[in-house]
Amino acid sequence: MESGLGRNRQSLDWRPGLGLLGRASQPTIRALSACFLPAGAVGTPLHRQVAHKVARKISLMPVFVAAPILVLTLLFELSARLRFGCAAGRLDGPRRAVLAGLWRRAPLGLLRDLVTVHERLTSFVYFEALRDVAEQGSPQP
């Protein structure tokens, strides 16, 4: 029943002011990215690479942009724990999709915007990774 996306094993050097928020958000960033990847890519090395690059792109944003994204990402994690009793990364795909859908239709625009930001960043990084694989001529991971 649990997908067990696990913790992000790749360490990311978060900029000053984002370290604690960033490290705490990484497992949830991985869980959110799983919502927007094709089903076959979830749990693969490509998924881990995409989640790491999404976190990196957030870390490179100005602090006044990145910090609210990370705080809202932690609120997404809290909502998973309150609604389903476990971490977002431990939810199976359908329950994670339900949670993302609830946030997508939330009355508060900030919650909707968080899902949109993660969806667009994940899509951008995923297709960028596919392009890189195609350019290298190696098979898709």
N, C-alpha and C. Protein backbone atom coordinates (compact mmCIF):
# COMPACT_ATOMS: atom_id res chain seq x y z
N MET A 1 0.82 -1.18 0.00
CA MET A 1 0.00 0.00 0.00
C MET A 1 0.87 1.26 0.00
N GLU A 2 2.03 1.21 0.59
CA GLU A 2 2.90 2.37 0.62
C GLU A 2 3.92 2.26 -0.49
N SER A 3 4.16 3.36 -1.17
CA SER A 3 5.11 3.32 -2.27
C SER A 3 6.54 3.40 -1.77
N GLY A 4 6.76 4.06 -0.65
CA GLY A 4 8.10 4.14 -0.08
C GLY A 4 9.09 4.82 -0.99
N LEU A 5 8.79 6.03 -1.41
CA LEU A 5 9.73 6.76 -2.26
C LEU A 5 11.03 7.03 -1.53
N GLY A 6 10.98 6.96 -0.22
CA GLY A 6 12.20 7.08 0.58
C GLY A 6 12.74 8.48 0.66
N ARG A 7 13.86 8.57 1.29
CA ARG A 7 14.52 9.85 1.46
C ARG A 7 15.44 10.11 0.29
N ASN A 8 15.67 11.38 0.04
CA ASN A 8 16.58 11.75 -1.02
C ASN A 8 18.00 11.48 -0.54
N ARG A 9 18.67 10.57 -1.19
CA ARG A 9 20.00 10.19 -0.76
C ARG A 9 21.07 11.12 -1.35
N GLN A 10 20.70 11.91 -2.34
CA GLN A 10 21.65 12.85 -2.90
C GLN A 10 21.62 14.11 -2.06
N SER A 11 22.78 14.51 -1.60
CA SER A 11 22.85 15.70 -0.78
C SER A 11 22.89 16.93 -1.67
N LEU A 12 22.20 17.95 -1.25
CA LEU A 12 22.16 19.19 -2.00
C LEU A 12 22.64 20.30 -1.08
N ASP A 13 23.55 21.11 -1.56
CA ASP A 13 24.01 22.24 -0.77
C ASP A 13 23.04 23.39 -0.94
N TRP A 14 22.23 23.61 0.09
CA TRP A 14 21.25 24.68 0.06
C TRP A 14 21.93 25.99 0.40
N ARG A 15 21.50 27.06 -0.24
CA ARG A 15 22.05 28.38 0.00
C ARG A 15 21.76 28.82 1.43
N PRO A 16 22.58 29.74 1.95
CA PRO A 16 22.31 30.27 3.29
C PRO A 16 20.89 30.82 3.37
N GLY A 17 20.23 30.51 4.45
CA GLY A 17 18.86 30.93 4.64
C GLY A 17 17.85 29.89 4.20
N LEU A 18 18.29 28.89 3.44
CA LEU A 18 17.38 27.86 2.95
C LEU A 18 17.75 26.47 3.45
N GLY A 19 18.86 26.33 4.14
CA GLY A 19 19.39 25.02 4.51
C GLY A 19 18.41 24.12 5.21
N LEU A 20 17.90 24.55 6.35
CA LEU A 20 16.99 23.71 7.13
C LEU A 20 15.69 23.45 6.37
N LEU A 21 15.12 24.50 5.80
CA LEU A 21 13.88 24.34 5.01
C LEU A 21 14.11 23.40 3.84
N GLY A 22 15.21 23.58 3.16
CA GLY A 22 15.51 22.76 1.99
C GLY A 22 15.69 21.30 2.32
N ARG A 23 16.49 21.03 3.35
CA ARG A 23 16.72 19.64 3.73
C ARG A 23 15.43 18.97 4.19
N ALA A 24 14.61 19.70 4.92
CA ALA A 24 13.35 19.14 5.40
C ALA A 24 12.36 18.91 4.25
N SER A 25 12.47 19.70 3.19
CA SER A 25 11.53 19.63 2.07
C SER A 25 11.88 18.59 1.03
N GLN A 26 13.11 18.13 0.98
CA GLN A 26 13.53 17.25 -0.11
C GLN A 26 12.69 15.98 -0.26
N PRO A 27 12.34 15.26 0.80
CA PRO A 27 11.49 14.08 0.59
C PRO A 27 10.12 14.44 0.01
N THR A 28 9.59 15.58 0.41
CA THR A 28 8.29 16.00 -0.10
C THR A 28 8.40 16.47 -1.54
N ILE A 29 9.51 17.09 -1.89
CA ILE A 29 9.73 17.47 -3.29
C ILE A 29 9.75 16.22 -4.16
N ARG A 30 10.38 15.16 -3.65
CA ARG A 30 10.39 13.90 -4.40
C ARG A 30 8.98 13.34 -4.54
N ALA A 31 8.19 13.40 -3.47
CA ALA A 31 6.82 12.89 -3.52
C ALA A 31 5.96 13.72 -4.48
N LEU A 32 6.12 15.03 -4.44
CA LEU A 32 5.36 15.89 -5.35
C LEU A 32 5.76 15.64 -6.80
N SER A 33 7.04 15.44 -7.04
CA SER A 33 7.46 15.18 -8.42
C SER A 33 6.87 13.87 -8.93
N ALA A 34 6.65 12.91 -8.04
CA ALA A 34 6.05 11.64 -8.45
C ALA A 34 4.62 11.84 -8.96
N CYS A 35 3.95 12.88 -8.49
CA CYS A 35 2.58 13.16 -8.95
C CYS A 35 2.54 13.56 -10.41
N PHE A 36 3.63 14.10 -10.92
CA PHE A 36 3.61 14.71 -12.25
C PHE A 36 4.49 14.00 -13.26
N LEU A 37 5.06 12.87 -12.88
CA LEU A 37 5.86 12.07 -13.81
C LEU A 37 5.01 10.95 -14.38
N PRO A 38 5.35 10.45 -15.57
CA PRO A 38 4.65 9.26 -16.07
C PRO A 38 4.82 8.11 -15.08
N ALA A 39 3.81 7.27 -14.98
CA ALA A 39 3.81 6.19 -13.98
C ALA A 39 5.06 5.32 -14.07
N GLY A 40 5.55 5.06 -15.26
CA GLY A 40 6.72 4.21 -15.42
C GLY A 40 8.01 4.82 -14.91
N ALA A 41 8.02 6.13 -14.72
CA ALA A 41 9.25 6.80 -14.28
C ALA A 41 9.34 6.91 -12.76
N VAL A 42 8.23 6.72 -12.06
CA VAL A 42 8.21 6.89 -10.61
C VAL A 42 9.02 5.78 -9.95
N GLY A 43 9.91 6.19 -9.06
CA GLY A 43 10.74 5.23 -8.32
C GLY A 43 11.99 4.80 -9.05
N THR A 44 12.24 5.33 -10.22
CA THR A 44 13.42 4.96 -11.01
C THR A 44 14.56 5.94 -10.73
N PRO A 45 15.75 5.63 -11.19
CA PRO A 45 16.84 6.61 -11.06
C PRO A 45 16.51 7.94 -11.74
N LEU A 46 15.74 7.89 -12.82
CA LEU A 46 15.34 9.12 -13.49
C LEU A 46 14.48 9.97 -12.55
N HIS A 47 13.59 9.34 -11.80
CA HIS A 47 12.75 10.07 -10.84
C HIS A 47 13.62 10.74 -9.78
N ARG A 48 14.59 10.01 -9.26
CA ARG A 48 15.48 10.60 -8.25
C ARG A 48 16.26 11.78 -8.84
N GLN A 49 16.70 11.62 -10.08
CA GLN A 49 17.44 12.70 -10.75
C GLN A 49 16.54 13.92 -10.95
N VAL A 50 15.32 13.70 -11.39
CA VAL A 50 14.38 14.81 -11.60
C VAL A 50 14.09 15.52 -10.29
N ALA A 51 13.80 14.76 -9.23
CA ALA A 51 13.49 15.37 -7.94
C ALA A 51 14.68 16.18 -7.42
N HIS A 52 15.88 15.65 -7.61
CA HIS A 52 17.08 16.36 -7.17
C HIS A 52 17.25 17.67 -7.95
N LYS A 53 17.01 17.61 -9.25
CA LYS A 53 17.16 18.83 -10.07
C LYS A 53 16.06 19.85 -9.76
N VAL A 54 14.86 19.38 -9.45
CA VAL A 54 13.79 20.31 -9.05
C VAL A 54 14.21 21.02 -7.76
N ALA A 55 14.72 20.25 -6.80
CA ALA A 55 15.19 20.85 -5.54
C ALA A 55 16.32 21.84 -5.82
N ARG A 56 17.21 21.47 -6.73
CA ARG A 56 18.32 22.37 -7.06
C ARG A 56 17.81 23.67 -7.69
N LYS A 57 16.84 23.56 -8.58
CA LYS A 57 16.30 24.77 -9.21
C LYS A 57 15.63 25.66 -8.16
N ILE A 58 14.95 25.05 -7.20
CA ILE A 58 14.35 25.85 -6.12
C ILE A 58 15.45 26.51 -5.30
N SER A 59 16.54 25.77 -5.04
CA SER A 59 17.62 26.33 -4.22
C SER A 59 18.32 27.50 -4.92
N LEU A 60 18.26 27.54 -6.24
CA LEU A 60 18.91 28.62 -6.98
C LEU A 60 18.02 29.86 -7.13
N MET A 61 16.77 29.73 -6.73
CA MET A 61 15.86 30.89 -6.78
C MET A 61 16.26 31.88 -5.70
N PRO A 62 15.90 33.14 -5.87
CA PRO A 62 16.15 34.09 -4.78
C PRO A 62 15.46 33.61 -3.50
N VAL A 63 16.07 33.90 -2.38
CA VAL A 63 15.55 33.41 -1.10
C VAL A 63 14.10 33.84 -0.88
N PHE A 64 13.75 35.06 -1.29
CA PHE A 64 12.38 35.52 -1.05
C PHE A 64 11.36 34.78 -1.91
N VAL A 65 11.81 34.05 -2.93
CA VAL A 65 10.92 33.21 -3.74
C VAL A 65 10.99 31.76 -3.24
N ALA A 66 12.20 31.27 -3.00
CA ALA A 66 12.38 29.87 -2.62
C ALA A 66 11.82 29.56 -1.24
N ALA A 67 12.02 30.45 -0.29
CA ALA A 67 11.57 30.17 1.08
C ALA A 67 10.06 29.92 1.16
N PRO A 68 9.21 30.76 0.54
CA PRO A 68 7.77 30.45 0.59
C PRO A 68 7.42 29.13 -0.10
N ILE A 69 8.11 28.81 -1.19
CA ILE A 69 7.85 27.54 -1.87
C ILE A 69 8.18 26.38 -0.93
N LEU A 70 9.29 26.48 -0.22
CA LEU A 70 9.69 25.41 0.69
C LEU A 70 8.76 25.32 1.90
N VAL A 71 8.31 26.46 2.41
CA VAL A 71 7.37 26.44 3.54
C VAL A 71 6.06 25.79 3.10
N LEU A 72 5.56 26.15 1.93
CA LEU A 72 4.33 25.54 1.43
C LEU A 72 4.52 24.06 1.14
N THR A 73 5.72 23.68 0.70
CA THR A 73 6.01 22.26 0.48
C THR A 73 5.93 21.50 1.80
N LEU A 74 6.44 22.11 2.86
CA LEU A 74 6.33 21.47 4.18
C LEU A 74 4.88 21.43 4.66
N LEU A 75 4.08 22.42 4.30
CA LEU A 75 2.65 22.38 4.63
C LEU A 75 1.96 21.25 3.87
N PHE A 76 2.40 21.00 2.64
CA PHE A 76 1.87 19.86 1.89
C PHE A 76 2.18 18.56 2.63
N GLU A 77 3.39 18.46 3.14
CA GLU A 77 3.79 17.29 3.93
C GLU A 77 2.91 17.15 5.17
N LEU A 78 2.70 18.26 5.86
CA LEU A 78 1.86 18.24 7.05
C LEU A 78 0.43 17.81 6.71
N SER A 79 -0.08 18.30 5.59
CA SER A 79 -1.44 17.92 5.20
C SER A 79 -1.52 16.43 4.88
N ALA A 80 -0.46 15.86 4.32
CA ALA A 80 -0.44 14.41 4.06
C ALA A 80 -0.49 13.64 5.37
N ARG A 81 0.28 14.11 6.33
CA ARG A 81 0.31 13.43 7.64
C ARG A 81 -1.02 13.55 8.36
N LEU A 82 -1.66 14.72 8.26
CA LEU A 82 -2.94 14.90 8.93
C LEU A 82 -4.06 14.13 8.24
N ARG A 83 -4.06 14.13 6.93
CA ARG A 83 -5.15 13.49 6.18
C ARG A 83 -5.01 11.97 6.12
N PHE A 84 -3.77 11.49 5.89
CA PHE A 84 -3.57 10.06 5.67
C PHE A 84 -2.75 9.37 6.76
N GLY A 85 -2.19 10.14 7.67
CA GLY A 85 -1.45 9.55 8.78
C GLY A 85 -0.03 9.11 8.45
N CYS A 86 0.48 9.52 7.31
CA CYS A 86 1.87 9.18 6.98
C CYS A 86 2.46 10.24 6.06
N ALA A 87 3.76 10.17 5.88
CA ALA A 87 4.47 11.14 5.06
C ALA A 87 4.02 11.05 3.60
N ALA A 88 4.14 12.16 2.90
CA ALA A 88 3.74 12.19 1.49
C ALA A 88 4.53 11.18 0.67
N GLY A 89 5.79 10.98 0.99
CA GLY A 89 6.61 10.02 0.27
C GLY A 89 6.22 8.58 0.51
N ARG A 90 5.46 8.33 1.56
CA ARG A 90 5.00 6.97 1.88
C ARG A 90 3.62 6.66 1.30
N LEU A 91 2.97 7.67 0.75
CA LEU A 91 1.64 7.46 0.16
C LEU A 91 1.76 6.72 -1.16
N ASP A 92 0.78 5.89 -1.46
CA ASP A 92 0.76 5.28 -2.78
C ASP A 92 0.32 6.33 -3.80
N GLY A 93 0.50 6.03 -5.06
CA GLY A 93 0.22 6.98 -6.13
C GLY A 93 -1.17 7.59 -6.10
N PRO A 94 -2.23 6.77 -5.96
CA PRO A 94 -3.57 7.35 -5.96
C PRO A 94 -3.83 8.31 -4.79
N ARG A 95 -3.34 7.97 -3.60
CA ARG A 95 -3.56 8.88 -2.47
C ARG A 95 -2.74 10.16 -2.62
N ARG A 96 -1.54 10.03 -3.17
CA ARG A 96 -0.72 11.22 -3.42
C ARG A 96 -1.41 12.11 -4.46
N ALA A 97 -2.01 11.49 -5.48
CA ALA A 97 -2.73 12.25 -6.51
C ALA A 97 -3.97 12.93 -5.92
N VAL A 98 -4.65 12.25 -5.00
CA VAL A 98 -5.82 12.85 -4.34
C VAL A 98 -5.39 14.09 -3.57
N LEU A 99 -4.29 13.98 -2.84
CA LEU A 99 -3.82 15.12 -2.06
C LEU A 99 -3.42 16.28 -2.96
N ALA A 100 -2.70 15.98 -4.04
CA ALA A 100 -2.32 17.04 -4.98
C ALA A 100 -3.56 17.66 -5.61
N GLY A 101 -4.56 16.83 -5.90
CA GLY A 101 -5.81 17.34 -6.46
C GLY A 101 -6.56 18.24 -5.49
N LEU A 102 -6.53 17.89 -4.21
CA LEU A 102 -7.16 18.74 -3.21
C LEU A 102 -6.48 20.11 -3.16
N TRP A 103 -5.16 20.09 -3.24
CA TRP A 103 -4.42 21.35 -3.22
C TRP A 103 -4.66 22.13 -4.52
N ARG A 104 -4.81 21.43 -5.63
CA ARG A 104 -5.03 22.09 -6.92
C ARG A 104 -6.37 22.83 -6.93
N ARG A 105 -7.34 22.32 -6.17
CA ARG A 105 -8.67 22.94 -6.11
C ARG A 105 -8.90 23.72 -4.82
N ALA A 106 -7.86 23.97 -4.06
CA ALA A 106 -7.99 24.65 -2.77
C ALA A 106 -8.51 26.07 -2.96
N PRO A 107 -9.27 26.56 -1.98
CA PRO A 107 -9.77 27.93 -2.08
C PRO A 107 -8.65 28.98 -1.94
N LEU A 108 -7.56 28.61 -1.32
CA LEU A 108 -6.44 29.54 -1.13
C LEU A 108 -5.49 29.43 -2.33
N GLY A 109 -5.30 30.53 -3.01
CA GLY A 109 -4.49 30.55 -4.23
C GLY A 109 -3.06 30.08 -4.04
N LEU A 110 -2.47 30.35 -2.87
CA LEU A 110 -1.09 29.93 -2.63
C LEU A 110 -0.94 28.41 -2.71
N LEU A 111 -1.94 27.69 -2.24
CA LEU A 111 -1.89 26.24 -2.28
C LEU A 111 -1.98 25.74 -3.72
N ARG A 112 -2.88 26.34 -4.49
CA ARG A 112 -2.99 25.98 -5.90
C ARG A 112 -1.69 26.30 -6.63
N ASP A 113 -1.11 27.45 -6.31
CA ASP A 113 0.13 27.86 -6.97
C ASP A 113 1.28 26.92 -6.67
N LEU A 114 1.34 26.39 -5.45
CA LEU A 114 2.42 25.47 -5.12
C LEU A 114 2.37 24.23 -6.01
N VAL A 115 1.18 23.68 -6.19
CA VAL A 115 1.04 22.50 -7.04
C VAL A 115 1.44 22.85 -8.47
N THR A 116 1.04 24.01 -8.94
CA THR A 116 1.39 24.43 -10.29
C THR A 116 2.89 24.60 -10.45
N VAL A 117 3.54 25.21 -9.47
CA VAL A 117 5.00 25.39 -9.52
C VAL A 117 5.69 24.04 -9.60
N HIS A 118 5.30 23.11 -8.73
CA HIS A 118 5.94 21.79 -8.74
C HIS A 118 5.65 21.04 -10.03
N GLU A 119 4.43 21.14 -10.52
CA GLU A 119 4.08 20.46 -11.77
C GLU A 119 4.92 20.98 -12.93
N ARG A 120 5.04 22.28 -13.03
CA ARG A 120 5.79 22.86 -14.15
C ARG A 120 7.28 22.62 -14.03
N LEU A 121 7.81 22.75 -12.82
CA LEU A 121 9.24 22.48 -12.63
C LEU A 121 9.55 21.02 -12.94
N THR A 122 8.71 20.12 -12.45
CA THR A 122 8.94 18.69 -12.69
C THR A 122 8.86 18.37 -14.17
N SER A 123 7.87 18.91 -14.85
CA SER A 123 7.73 18.66 -16.29
C SER A 123 8.93 19.20 -17.05
N PHE A 124 9.35 20.41 -16.71
CA PHE A 124 10.49 21.01 -17.38
C PHE A 124 11.75 20.15 -17.19
N VAL A 125 12.02 19.78 -15.95
CA VAL A 125 13.23 19.00 -15.65
C VAL A 125 13.14 17.61 -16.28
N TYR A 126 11.96 17.00 -16.26
CA TYR A 126 11.79 15.66 -16.84
C TYR A 126 12.10 15.68 -18.34
N PHE A 127 11.51 16.62 -19.06
CA PHE A 127 11.75 16.67 -20.50
C PHE A 127 13.17 17.11 -20.82
N GLU A 128 13.76 17.90 -19.97
CA GLU A 128 15.16 18.27 -20.12
C GLU A 128 16.04 17.02 -19.96
N ALA A 129 15.71 16.18 -18.98
CA ALA A 129 16.47 14.94 -18.76
C ALA A 129 16.31 13.99 -19.93
N LEU A 130 15.10 13.88 -20.47
CA LEU A 130 14.89 13.03 -21.64
C LEU A 130 15.68 13.53 -22.84
N ARG A 131 15.72 14.84 -23.00
CA ARG A 131 16.50 15.42 -24.10
C ARG A 131 17.97 15.10 -23.93
N ASP A 132 18.48 15.22 -22.70
CA ASP A 132 19.88 14.92 -22.45
C ASP A 132 20.20 13.46 -22.75
N VAL A 133 19.29 12.57 -22.38
CA VAL A 133 19.48 11.14 -22.65
C VAL A 133 19.50 10.90 -24.16
N ALA A 134 18.59 11.55 -24.88
CA ALA A 134 18.53 11.37 -26.34
C ALA A 134 19.79 11.91 -27.01
N GLU A 135 20.30 13.03 -26.52
CA GLU A 135 21.51 13.61 -27.10
C GLU A 135 22.73 12.74 -26.84
N GLN A 136 22.75 12.06 -25.71
CA GLN A 136 23.88 11.20 -25.38
C GLN A 136 23.81 9.88 -26.12
N GLY A 137 22.63 9.55 -26.64
CA GLY A 137 22.47 8.33 -27.40
C GLY A 137 22.37 7.08 -26.55
N SER A 138 22.26 7.25 -25.25
CA SER A 138 22.13 6.08 -24.39
C SER A 138 20.66 5.76 -24.18
N PRO A 139 20.36 4.52 -23.83
CA PRO A 139 18.95 4.16 -23.62
C PRO A 139 18.37 4.90 -22.43
N GLN A 140 17.05 5.09 -22.47
CA GLN A 140 16.36 5.80 -21.39
C GLN A 140 16.43 4.97 -20.12
N PRO A 141 16.82 5.62 -18.98
CA PRO A 141 16.90 4.87 -17.72
C PRO A 141 15.55 4.43 -17.23
